[in-house]
Amino acid sequence: MSAASDDTHERPRRKRMEIFAFLFLTAILMPALAVATVGTYGLTVWIYQMAAGPPGPPSH
């Protein structure tokens, strides 16, 4: 009987933790990864353009 009793008490806690994990992933982690990815790409392009020059046809 104790196993069934523990299961009924664990379900609400597990559901709450799953909701918390979902909200953490969607509201904090994914936006942070998106900003980091775009920022890293921008920095990479900026550093490349410092070394190779700006895009466009070469000036004569």
PDB file of N, CA and C in Angstrom:
ATOM      1  N   MET A   1       0.804  -1.206   0.000  1.00  0.00           N
ATOM      2  CA  MET A   1       0.000   0.000   0.000  1.00  0.00           C
ATOM      3  C   MET A   1       0.844   1.266   0.000  1.00  0.00           C
ATOM      4  N   SER A   2       2.015   1.201   0.577  1.00  0.00           N
ATOM      5  CA  SER A   2       2.819   2.419   0.658  1.00  0.00           C
ATOM      6  C   SER A   2       3.306   2.862  -0.721  1.00  0.00           C
ATOM      7  N   ALA A   3       3.530   1.919  -1.632  1.00  0.00           N
ATOM      8  CA  ALA A   3       3.978   2.290  -2.974  1.00  0.00           C
ATOM      9  C   ALA A   3       2.892   3.063  -3.713  1.00  0.00           C
ATOM     10  N   ALA A   4       1.665   2.636  -3.584  1.00  0.00           N
ATOM     11  CA  ALA A   4       0.557   3.347  -4.222  1.00  0.00           C
ATOM     12  C   ALA A   4       0.361   4.706  -3.573  1.00  0.00           C
ATOM     13  N   SER A   5       0.553   4.782  -2.280  1.00  0.00           N
ATOM     14  CA  SER A   5       0.410   6.052  -1.570  1.00  0.00           C
ATOM     15  C   SER A   5       1.491   7.043  -2.009  1.00  0.00           C
ATOM     16  N   ASP A   6       2.730   6.577  -2.175  1.00  0.00           N
ATOM     17  CA  ASP A   6       3.815   7.451  -2.629  1.00  0.00           C
ATOM     18  C   ASP A   6       3.570   7.943  -4.049  1.00  0.00           C
ATOM     19  N   ASP A   7       3.002   7.072  -4.894  1.00  0.00           N
ATOM     20  CA  ASP A   7       2.737   7.443  -6.277  1.00  0.00           C
ATOM     21  C   ASP A   7       1.721   8.570  -6.365  1.00  0.00           C
ATOM     22  N   THR A   8       0.690   8.528  -5.546  1.00  0.00           N
ATOM     23  CA  THR A   8      -0.327   9.579  -5.598  1.00  0.00           C
ATOM     24  C   THR A   8       0.210  10.896  -5.069  1.00  0.00           C
ATOM     25  N   HIS A   9       1.172  10.855  -4.161  1.00  0.00           N
ATOM     26  CA  HIS A   9       1.753  12.098  -3.641  1.00  0.00           C
ATOM     27  C   HIS A   9       2.824  12.651  -4.579  1.00  0.00           C
ATOM     28  N   GLU A  10       3.442  11.789  -5.375  1.00  0.00           N
ATOM     29  CA  GLU A  10       4.502  12.222  -6.285  1.00  0.00           C
ATOM     30  C   GLU A  10       3.958  12.836  -7.566  1.00  0.00           C
ATOM     31  N   ARG A  11       2.765  12.443  -7.994  1.00  0.00           N
ATOM     32  CA  ARG A  11       2.231  12.939  -9.266  1.00  0.00           C
ATOM     33  C   ARG A  11       2.115  14.464  -9.319  1.00  0.00           C
ATOM     34  N   PRO A  12       1.502  15.115  -8.318  1.00  0.00           N
ATOM     35  CA  PRO A  12       1.419  16.589  -8.406  1.00  0.00           C
ATOM     36  C   PRO A  12       2.799  17.257  -8.415  1.00  0.00           C
ATOM     37  N   ARG A  13       3.721  16.722  -7.621  1.00  0.00           N
ATOM     38  CA  ARG A  13       5.066  17.298  -7.575  1.00  0.00           C
ATOM     39  C   ARG A  13       5.771  17.114  -8.909  1.00  0.00           C
ATOM     40  N   ARG A  14       5.632  15.929  -9.516  1.00  0.00           N
ATOM     41  CA  ARG A  14       6.266  15.672 -10.805  1.00  0.00           C
ATOM     42  C   ARG A  14       5.670  16.575 -11.891  1.00  0.00           C
ATOM     43  N   LYS A  15       4.350  16.736 -11.866  1.00  0.00           N
ATOM     44  CA  LYS A  15       3.713  17.598 -12.858  1.00  0.00           C
ATOM     45  C   LYS A  15       4.182  19.042 -12.685  1.00  0.00           C
ATOM     46  N   ARG A  16       4.293  19.502 -11.443  1.00  0.00           N
ATOM     47  CA  ARG A  16       4.768  20.853 -11.174  1.00  0.00           C
ATOM     48  C   ARG A  16       6.197  21.026 -11.679  1.00  0.00           C
ATOM     49  N   MET A  17       7.046  20.029 -11.461  1.00  0.00           N
ATOM     50  CA  MET A  17       8.434  20.117 -11.926  1.00  0.00           C
ATOM     51  C   MET A  17       8.506  20.102 -13.456  1.00  0.00           C
ATOM     52  N   GLU A  18       7.625  19.326 -14.112  1.00  0.00           N
ATOM     53  CA  GLU A  18       7.611  19.321 -15.572  1.00  0.00           C
ATOM     54  C   GLU A  18       7.168  20.676 -16.122  1.00  0.00           C
ATOM     55  N   ILE A  19       6.184  21.289 -15.492  1.00  0.00           N
ATOM     56  CA  ILE A  19       5.736  22.618 -15.915  1.00  0.00           C
ATOM     57  C   ILE A  19       6.854  23.634 -15.709  1.00  0.00           C
ATOM     58  N   PHE A  20       7.530  23.549 -14.568  1.00  0.00           N
ATOM     59  CA  PHE A  20       8.651  24.452 -14.301  1.00  0.00           C
ATOM     60  C   PHE A  20       9.757  24.270 -15.337  1.00  0.00           C
ATOM     61  N   ALA A  21      10.077  23.010 -15.662  1.00  0.00           N
ATOM     62  CA  ALA A  21      11.126  22.737 -16.654  1.00  0.00           C
ATOM     63  C   ALA A  21      10.724  23.290 -18.020  1.00  0.00           C
ATOM     64  N   PHE A  22       9.457  23.109 -18.409  1.00  0.00           N
ATOM     65  CA  PHE A  22       8.981  23.631 -19.689  1.00  0.00           C
ATOM     66  C   PHE A  22       9.079  25.147 -19.731  1.00  0.00           C
ATOM     67  N   LEU A  23       8.630  25.801 -18.668  1.00  0.00           N
ATOM     68  CA  LEU A  23       8.679  27.269 -18.638  1.00  0.00           C
ATOM     69  C   LEU A  23      10.118  27.773 -18.634  1.00  0.00           C
ATOM     70  N   PHE A  24      10.985  27.089 -17.911  1.00  0.00           N
ATOM     71  CA  PHE A  24      12.401  27.476 -17.891  1.00  0.00           C
ATOM     72  C   PHE A  24      13.000  27.358 -19.286  1.00  0.00           C
ATOM     73  N   LEU A  25      12.715  26.251 -19.971  1.00  0.00           N
ATOM     74  CA  LEU A  25      13.270  26.052 -21.312  1.00  0.00           C
ATOM     75  C   LEU A  25      12.735  27.082 -22.298  1.00  0.00           C
ATOM     76  N   THR A  26      11.420  27.348 -22.254  1.00  0.00           N
ATOM     77  CA  THR A  26      10.827  28.227 -23.259  1.00  0.00           C
ATOM     78  C   THR A  26      11.010  29.705 -22.944  1.00  0.00           C
ATOM     79  N   ALA A  27      11.083  30.077 -21.686  1.00  0.00           N
ATOM     80  CA  ALA A  27      11.139  31.499 -21.334  1.00  0.00           C
ATOM     81  C   ALA A  27      12.552  31.999 -21.064  1.00  0.00           C
ATOM     82  N   ILE A  28      13.477  31.101 -20.717  1.00  0.00           N
ATOM     83  CA  ILE A  28      14.817  31.552 -20.336  1.00  0.00           C
ATOM     84  C   ILE A  28      15.890  30.954 -21.242  1.00  0.00           C
ATOM     85  N   LEU A  29      15.926  29.640 -21.341  1.00  0.00           N
ATOM     86  CA  LEU A  29      17.037  28.993 -22.030  1.00  0.00           C
ATOM     87  C   LEU A  29      17.018  29.221 -23.538  1.00  0.00           C
ATOM     88  N   MET A  30      15.884  29.007 -24.190  1.00  0.00           N
ATOM     89  CA  MET A  30      15.834  29.170 -25.649  1.00  0.00           C
ATOM     90  C   MET A  30      16.073  30.617 -26.096  1.00  0.00           C
ATOM     91  N   PRO A  31      15.462  31.629 -25.459  1.00  0.00           N
ATOM     92  CA  PRO A  31      15.809  33.000 -25.856  1.00  0.00           C
ATOM     93  C   PRO A  31      17.288  33.331 -25.626  1.00  0.00           C
ATOM     94  N   ALA A  32      17.842  32.837 -24.530  1.00  0.00           N
ATOM     95  CA  ALA A  32      19.255  33.090 -24.267  1.00  0.00           C
ATOM     96  C   ALA A  32      20.131  32.430 -25.322  1.00  0.00           C
ATOM     97  N   LEU A  33      19.800  31.211 -25.721  1.00  0.00           N
ATOM     98  CA  LEU A  33      20.570  30.546 -26.773  1.00  0.00           C
ATOM     99  C   LEU A  33      20.414  31.259 -28.115  1.00  0.00           C
ATOM    100  N   ALA A  34      19.224  31.767 -28.397  1.00  0.00           N
ATOM    101  CA  ALA A  34      19.012  32.499 -29.652  1.00  0.00           C
ATOM    102  C   ALA A  34      19.850  33.770 -29.676  1.00  0.00           C
ATOM    103  N   VAL A  35      19.838  34.520 -28.594  1.00  0.00           N
ATOM    104  CA  VAL A  35      20.634  35.753 -28.516  1.00  0.00           C
ATOM    105  C   VAL A  35      22.116  35.428 -28.618  1.00  0.00           C
ATOM    106  N   ALA A  36      22.559  34.376 -27.943  1.00  0.00           N
ATOM    107  CA  ALA A  36      23.970  33.997 -27.991  1.00  0.00           C
ATOM    108  C   ALA A  36      24.379  33.565 -29.396  1.00  0.00           C
ATOM    109  N   THR A  37      23.505  32.845 -30.088  1.00  0.00           N
ATOM    110  CA  THR A  37      23.819  32.389 -31.443  1.00  0.00           C
ATOM    111  C   THR A  37      23.929  33.570 -32.404  1.00  0.00           C
ATOM    112  N   VAL A  38      22.961  34.459 -32.361  1.00  0.00           N
ATOM    113  CA  VAL A  38      22.984  35.625 -33.256  1.00  0.00           C
ATOM    114  C   VAL A  38      24.163  36.534 -32.911  1.00  0.00           C
ATOM    115  N   GLY A  39      24.433  36.718 -31.633  1.00  0.00           N
ATOM    116  CA  GLY A  39      25.570  37.542 -31.217  1.00  0.00           C
ATOM    117  C   GLY A  39      26.898  36.946 -31.647  1.00  0.00           C
ATOM    118  N   THR A  40      27.031  35.635 -31.540  1.00  0.00           N
ATOM    119  CA  THR A  40      28.266  34.979 -31.965  1.00  0.00           C
ATOM    120  C   THR A  40      28.454  35.109 -33.469  1.00  0.00           C
ATOM    121  N   TYR A  41      27.376  34.936 -34.221  1.00  0.00           N
ATOM    122  CA  TYR A  41      27.463  35.089 -35.682  1.00  0.00           C
ATOM    123  C   TYR A  41      27.852  36.529 -36.048  1.00  0.00           C
ATOM    124  N   GLY A  42      27.224  37.503 -35.410  1.00  0.00           N
ATOM    125  CA  GLY A  42      27.547  38.899 -35.685  1.00  0.00           C
ATOM    126  C   GLY A  42      28.994  39.226 -35.354  1.00  0.00           C
ATOM    127  N   LEU A  43      29.475  38.737 -34.243  1.00  0.00           N
ATOM    128  CA  LEU A  43      30.866  38.970 -33.865  1.00  0.00           C
ATOM    129  C   LEU A  43      31.817  38.313 -34.862  1.00  0.00           C
ATOM    130  N   THR A  44      31.464  37.111 -35.310  1.00  0.00           N
ATOM    131  CA  THR A  44      32.293  36.415 -36.284  1.00  0.00           C
ATOM    132  C   THR A  44      32.374  37.196 -37.595  1.00  0.00           C
ATOM    133  N   VAL A  45      31.241  37.680 -38.076  1.00  0.00           N
ATOM    134  CA  VAL A  45      31.222  38.460 -39.317  1.00  0.00           C
ATOM    135  C   VAL A  45      32.008  39.755 -39.137  1.00  0.00           C
ATOM    136  N   TRP A  46      31.859  40.400 -37.998  1.00  0.00           N
ATOM    137  CA  TRP A  46      32.563  41.654 -37.732  1.00  0.00           C
ATOM    138  C   TRP A  46      34.077  41.437 -37.737  1.00  0.00           C
ATOM    139  N   ILE A  47      34.521  40.389 -37.062  1.00  0.00           N
ATOM    140  CA  ILE A  47      35.960  40.104 -37.026  1.00  0.00           C
ATOM    141  C   ILE A  47      36.467  39.741 -38.419  1.00  0.00           C
ATOM    142  N   TYR A  48      35.681  38.956 -39.173  1.00  0.00           N
ATOM    143  CA  TYR A  48      36.078  38.607 -40.544  1.00  0.00           C
ATOM    144  C   TYR A  48      36.195  39.860 -41.411  1.00  0.00           C
ATOM    145  N   GLN A  49      35.247  40.780 -41.281  1.00  0.00           N
ATOM    146  CA  GLN A  49      35.290  41.995 -42.092  1.00  0.00           C
ATOM    147  C   GLN A  49      36.438  42.912 -41.676  1.00  0.00           C
ATOM    148  N   MET A  50      36.860  42.858 -40.428  1.00  0.00           N
ATOM    149  CA  MET A  50      38.032  43.639 -40.028  1.00  0.00           C
ATOM    150  C   MET A  50      39.269  43.111 -40.733  1.00  0.00           C
ATOM    151  N   ALA A  51      39.342  41.791 -40.941  1.00  0.00           N
ATOM    152  CA  ALA A  51      40.519  41.193 -41.569  1.00  0.00           C
ATOM    153  C   ALA A  51      40.436  41.256 -43.093  1.00  0.00           C
ATOM    154  N   ALA A  52      39.254  41.012 -43.667  1.00  0.00           N
ATOM    155  CA  ALA A  52      39.121  40.884 -45.116  1.00  0.00           C
ATOM    156  C   ALA A  52      38.607  42.149 -45.776  1.00  0.00           C
ATOM    157  N   GLY A  53      38.148  43.105 -45.037  1.00  0.00           N
ATOM    158  CA  GLY A  53      37.601  44.320 -45.608  1.00  0.00           C
ATOM    159  C   GLY A  53      36.093  44.206 -45.758  1.00  0.00           C
ATOM    160  N   PRO A  54      35.450  45.357 -46.002  1.00  0.00           N
ATOM    161  CA  PRO A  54      33.997  45.330 -46.107  1.00  0.00           C
ATOM    162  C   PRO A  54      33.540  44.627 -47.396  1.00  0.00           C
ATOM    163  N   PRO A  55      32.301  44.142 -47.409  1.00  0.00           N
ATOM    164  CA  PRO A  55      31.814  43.488 -48.616  1.00  0.00           C
ATOM    165  C   PRO A  55      31.572  44.483 -49.734  1.00  0.00           C
ATOM    166  N   GLY A  56      31.544  43.997 -50.953  1.00  0.00           N
ATOM    167  CA  GLY A  56      31.312  44.844 -52.105  1.00  0.00           C
ATOM    168  C   GLY A  56      32.442  44.726 -53.101  1.00  0.00           C
ATOM    169  N   PRO A  57      32.272  45.403 -54.225  1.00  0.00           N
ATOM    170  CA  PRO A  57      33.341  45.325 -55.233  1.00  0.00           C
ATOM    171  C   PRO A  57      34.589  46.051 -54.741  1.00  0.00           C
ATOM    172  N   PRO A  58      35.738  45.588 -55.143  1.00  0.00           N
ATOM    173  CA  PRO A  58      36.972  46.258 -54.704  1.00  0.00           C
ATOM    174  C   PRO A  58      37.066  47.661 -55.302  1.00  0.00           C
ATOM    175  N   SER A  59      37.613  48.582 -54.556  1.00  0.00           N
ATOM    176  CA  SER A  59      37.784  49.955 -55.055  1.00  0.00           C
ATOM    177  C   SER A  59      39.053  50.021 -55.901  1.00  0.00           C
ATOM    178  N   HIS A  60      39.003  50.834 -56.938  1.00  0.00           N
ATOM    179  CA  HIS A  60      40.146  50.944 -57.856  1.00  0.00           C
ATOM    180  C   HIS A  60      41.054  52.046 -57.454  1.00  0.00           C
TER     181      HIS A  60
END
